[in-house]
Amino acid sequence: MSGLDNFLSQFGSNNFNDKVEQARKTAINDKLENGEIDTCFAVDTGKWETGICIDGDHWYIVETYLDKKQAILGHKKWFLELKKGISEDKLDKLEDNNLSEWAGFDSEEE
């Protein structure tokens, strides 16, 4: 079985669904007037990640982390960034998936 077949087969299993449900229980979520921020353990990648939604429809993964401690700190950072507001320039960079440039760093290289 190829790596892709193995990955895709997980989505139909109860074990995978249980892992997703468990991961959502540890998620951190904040809703602000101008958007929403969510940090959780992503079962599919095995990393923690922070996503933001500014238009009520599209989620952008803005940063990934190796552990929960980093994820909590990252969530706080992105919460403050979202609270300040997202400029048109930053929104364009999000849409171009140029996230590490927008953030000013790549968390895995620090």
C-alpha atoms as a PDB file:
ATOM      1  CA  MET A   1       0.000   0.000   0.000  1.00  0.00           C
ATOM      2  CA  SER A   2       1.415   3.389  -0.980  1.00  0.00           C
ATOM      3  CA  GLY A   3       1.803   6.246   1.482  1.00  0.00           C
ATOM      4  CA  LEU A   4      -1.110   8.068  -0.142  1.00  0.00           C
ATOM      5  CA  ASP A   5      -3.338   4.976  -0.001  1.00  0.00           C
ATOM      6  CA  ASN A   6      -2.457   4.518   3.656  1.00  0.00           C
ATOM      7  CA  PHE A   7      -3.199   8.184   4.398  1.00  0.00           C
ATOM      8  CA  LEU A   8      -6.541   8.117   2.573  1.00  0.00           C
ATOM      9  CA  SER A   9      -7.603   4.850   4.205  1.00  0.00           C
ATOM     10  CA  GLN A  10      -7.433   6.537   7.620  1.00  0.00           C
ATOM     11  CA  PHE A  11     -10.338   8.828   6.797  1.00  0.00           C
ATOM     12  CA  GLY A  12     -12.810   5.985   6.751  1.00  0.00           C
ATOM     13  CA  SER A  13     -11.670   4.413   9.981  1.00  0.00           C
ATOM     14  CA  ASN A  14     -13.285   4.889  13.363  1.00  0.00           C
ATOM     15  CA  ASN A  15      -9.807   5.249  14.841  1.00  0.00           C
ATOM     16  CA  PHE A  16      -9.098   8.310  12.671  1.00  0.00           C
ATOM     17  CA  ASN A  17     -12.479   9.843  13.480  1.00  0.00           C
ATOM     18  CA  ASP A  18     -11.846   9.255  17.191  1.00  0.00           C
ATOM     19  CA  LYS A  19      -8.471  10.995  16.885  1.00  0.00           C
ATOM     20  CA  VAL A  20     -10.073  13.984  15.156  1.00  0.00           C
ATOM     21  CA  GLU A  21     -12.767  14.208  17.811  1.00  0.00           C
ATOM     22  CA  GLN A  22     -10.148  14.030  20.567  1.00  0.00           C
ATOM     23  CA  ALA A  23      -8.023  16.707  18.859  1.00  0.00           C
ATOM     24  CA  ARG A  24     -11.004  19.084  18.631  1.00  0.00           C
ATOM     25  CA  LYS A  25     -11.485  18.763  22.409  1.00  0.00           C
ATOM     26  CA  THR A  26      -8.050  20.349  22.930  1.00  0.00           C
ATOM     27  CA  ALA A  27      -8.545  23.111  20.356  1.00  0.00           C
ATOM     28  CA  ILE A  28      -8.250  26.776  21.286  1.00  0.00           C
ATOM     29  CA  ASN A  29     -10.782  28.986  19.512  1.00  0.00           C
ATOM     30  CA  ASP A  30     -11.450  32.717  19.687  1.00  0.00           C
ATOM     31  CA  LYS A  31     -13.992  34.734  17.754  1.00  0.00           C
ATOM     32  CA  LEU A  32     -13.422  38.439  17.221  1.00  0.00           C
ATOM     33  CA  GLU A  33     -15.451  41.045  15.365  1.00  0.00           C
ATOM     34  CA  ASN A  34     -13.147  40.818  12.365  1.00  0.00           C
ATOM     35  CA  GLY A  35     -12.524  37.071  12.294  1.00  0.00           C
ATOM     36  CA  GLU A  36     -11.899  33.802  14.038  1.00  0.00           C
ATOM     37  CA  ILE A  37      -8.720  32.040  15.128  1.00  0.00           C
ATOM     38  CA  ASP A  38      -8.399  28.330  15.834  1.00  0.00           C
ATOM     39  CA  THR A  39      -5.404  26.352  17.047  1.00  0.00           C
ATOM     40  CA  CYS A  40      -5.551  22.574  17.232  1.00  0.00           C
ATOM     41  CA  PHE A  41      -3.626  19.363  16.743  1.00  0.00           C
ATOM     42  CA  ALA A  42      -3.988  18.304  13.108  1.00  0.00           C
ATOM     43  CA  VAL A  43      -4.300  14.531  13.015  1.00  0.00           C
ATOM     44  CA  ASP A  44      -3.440  14.402   9.317  1.00  0.00           C
ATOM     45  CA  THR A  45      -0.068  16.177   9.716  1.00  0.00           C
ATOM     46  CA  GLY A  46       0.808  15.243  13.296  1.00  0.00           C
ATOM     47  CA  LYS A  47       1.497  18.894  14.117  1.00  0.00           C
ATOM     48  CA  TRP A  48      -0.330  21.672  15.905  1.00  0.00           C
ATOM     49  CA  GLU A  49      -1.547  24.450  13.631  1.00  0.00           C
ATOM     50  CA  THR A  50      -3.172  27.865  13.843  1.00  0.00           C
ATOM     51  CA  GLY A  51      -5.719  28.920  11.274  1.00  0.00           C
ATOM     52  CA  ILE A  52      -7.503  32.224  10.855  1.00  0.00           C
ATOM     53  CA  CYS A  53     -10.725  33.035   9.065  1.00  0.00           C
ATOM     54  CA  ILE A  54     -11.417  36.652   8.193  1.00  0.00           C
ATOM     55  CA  ASP A  55     -14.277  36.403   5.760  1.00  0.00           C
ATOM     56  CA  GLY A  56     -16.415  33.766   7.461  1.00  0.00           C
ATOM     57  CA  ASP A  57     -15.631  31.280   4.708  1.00  0.00           C
ATOM     58  CA  HIS A  58     -11.930  30.698   3.989  1.00  0.00           C
ATOM     59  CA  TRP A  59      -9.470  29.385   6.548  1.00  0.00           C
ATOM     60  CA  TYR A  60      -5.770  30.110   6.223  1.00  0.00           C
ATOM     61  CA  ILE A  61      -3.229  27.997   8.109  1.00  0.00           C
ATOM     62  CA  VAL A  62      -0.808  30.656   9.277  1.00  0.00           C
ATOM     63  CA  GLU A  63       1.605  28.650  11.394  1.00  0.00           C
ATOM     64  CA  THR A  64       2.421  25.108  12.493  1.00  0.00           C
ATOM     65  CA  TYR A  65       4.092  23.933  15.705  1.00  0.00           C
ATOM     66  CA  LEU A  66       5.795  20.827  17.005  1.00  0.00           C
ATOM     67  CA  ASP A  67       4.142  20.862  20.437  1.00  0.00           C
ATOM     68  CA  LYS A  68       1.232  22.254  22.428  1.00  0.00           C
ATOM     69  CA  LYS A  69       3.347  24.797  24.322  1.00  0.00           C
ATOM     70  CA  GLN A  70       4.474  26.404  21.048  1.00  0.00           C
ATOM     71  CA  ALA A  71       0.885  26.242  19.779  1.00  0.00           C
ATOM     72  CA  ILE A  72      -0.465  28.154  22.785  1.00  0.00           C
ATOM     73  CA  LEU A  73       2.158  30.880  22.352  1.00  0.00           C
ATOM     74  CA  GLY A  74       1.492  31.020  18.615  1.00  0.00           C
ATOM     75  CA  HIS A  75      -2.256  31.261  19.169  1.00  0.00           C
ATOM     76  CA  LYS A  76      -1.762  34.251  21.458  1.00  0.00           C
ATOM     77  CA  LYS A  77       0.486  35.920  18.876  1.00  0.00           C
ATOM     78  CA  TRP A  78      -2.039  35.420  16.055  1.00  0.00           C
ATOM     79  CA  PHE A  79      -4.914  36.496  18.319  1.00  0.00           C
ATOM     80  CA  LEU A  80      -3.172  39.846  18.836  1.00  0.00           C
ATOM     81  CA  GLU A  81      -2.406  40.101  15.110  1.00  0.00           C
ATOM     82  CA  LEU A  82      -6.043  39.453  14.219  1.00  0.00           C
ATOM     83  CA  LYS A  83      -7.222  41.869  16.899  1.00  0.00           C
ATOM     84  CA  LYS A  84      -5.070  44.634  15.320  1.00  0.00           C
ATOM     85  CA  GLY A  85      -6.739  43.981  11.991  1.00  0.00           C
ATOM     86  CA  ILE A  86      -5.661  42.474   8.718  1.00  0.00           C
ATOM     87  CA  SER A  87      -4.398  44.963   6.161  1.00  0.00           C
ATOM     88  CA  GLU A  88      -5.047  44.556   2.443  1.00  0.00           C
ATOM     89  CA  ASP A  89      -1.351  43.776   1.937  1.00  0.00           C
ATOM     90  CA  LYS A  90      -1.410  41.037   4.571  1.00  0.00           C
ATOM     91  CA  LEU A  91      -4.610  39.605   3.107  1.00  0.00           C
ATOM     92  CA  ASP A  92      -2.977  39.436  -0.334  1.00  0.00           C
ATOM     93  CA  LYS A  93      -0.026  37.562   1.160  1.00  0.00           C
ATOM     94  CA  LEU A  94      -2.386  35.132   2.883  1.00  0.00           C
ATOM     95  CA  GLU A  95      -4.137  34.468  -0.398  1.00  0.00           C
ATOM     96  CA  ASP A  96      -0.781  33.871  -2.079  1.00  0.00           C
ATOM     97  CA  ASN A  97       0.124  31.369   0.664  1.00  0.00           C
ATOM     98  CA  ASN A  98       3.208  33.425   1.429  1.00  0.00           C
ATOM     99  CA  LEU A  99       2.560  32.969   5.137  1.00  0.00           C
ATOM    100  CA  SER A 100       6.061  32.895   6.556  1.00  0.00           C
ATOM    101  CA  GLU A 101       6.864  36.201   4.845  1.00  0.00           C
ATOM    102  CA  TRP A 102       3.647  37.688   6.213  1.00  0.00           C
ATOM    103  CA  ALA A 103       4.464  36.495   9.712  1.00  0.00           C
ATOM    104  CA  GLY A 104       8.051  37.601   9.386  1.00  0.00           C
ATOM    105  CA  PHE A 105       9.466  34.176  10.223  1.00  0.00           C
ATOM    106  CA  ASP A 106       9.001  30.461   9.888  1.00  0.00           C
ATOM    107  CA  SER A 107       8.407  28.859  13.316  1.00  0.00           C
ATOM    108  CA  GLU A 108      10.178  25.607  12.411  1.00  0.00           C
ATOM    109  CA  GLU A 109      13.394  27.421  11.504  1.00  0.00           C
ATOM    110  CA  GLU A 110      13.681  29.534  14.646  1.00  0.00           C
END
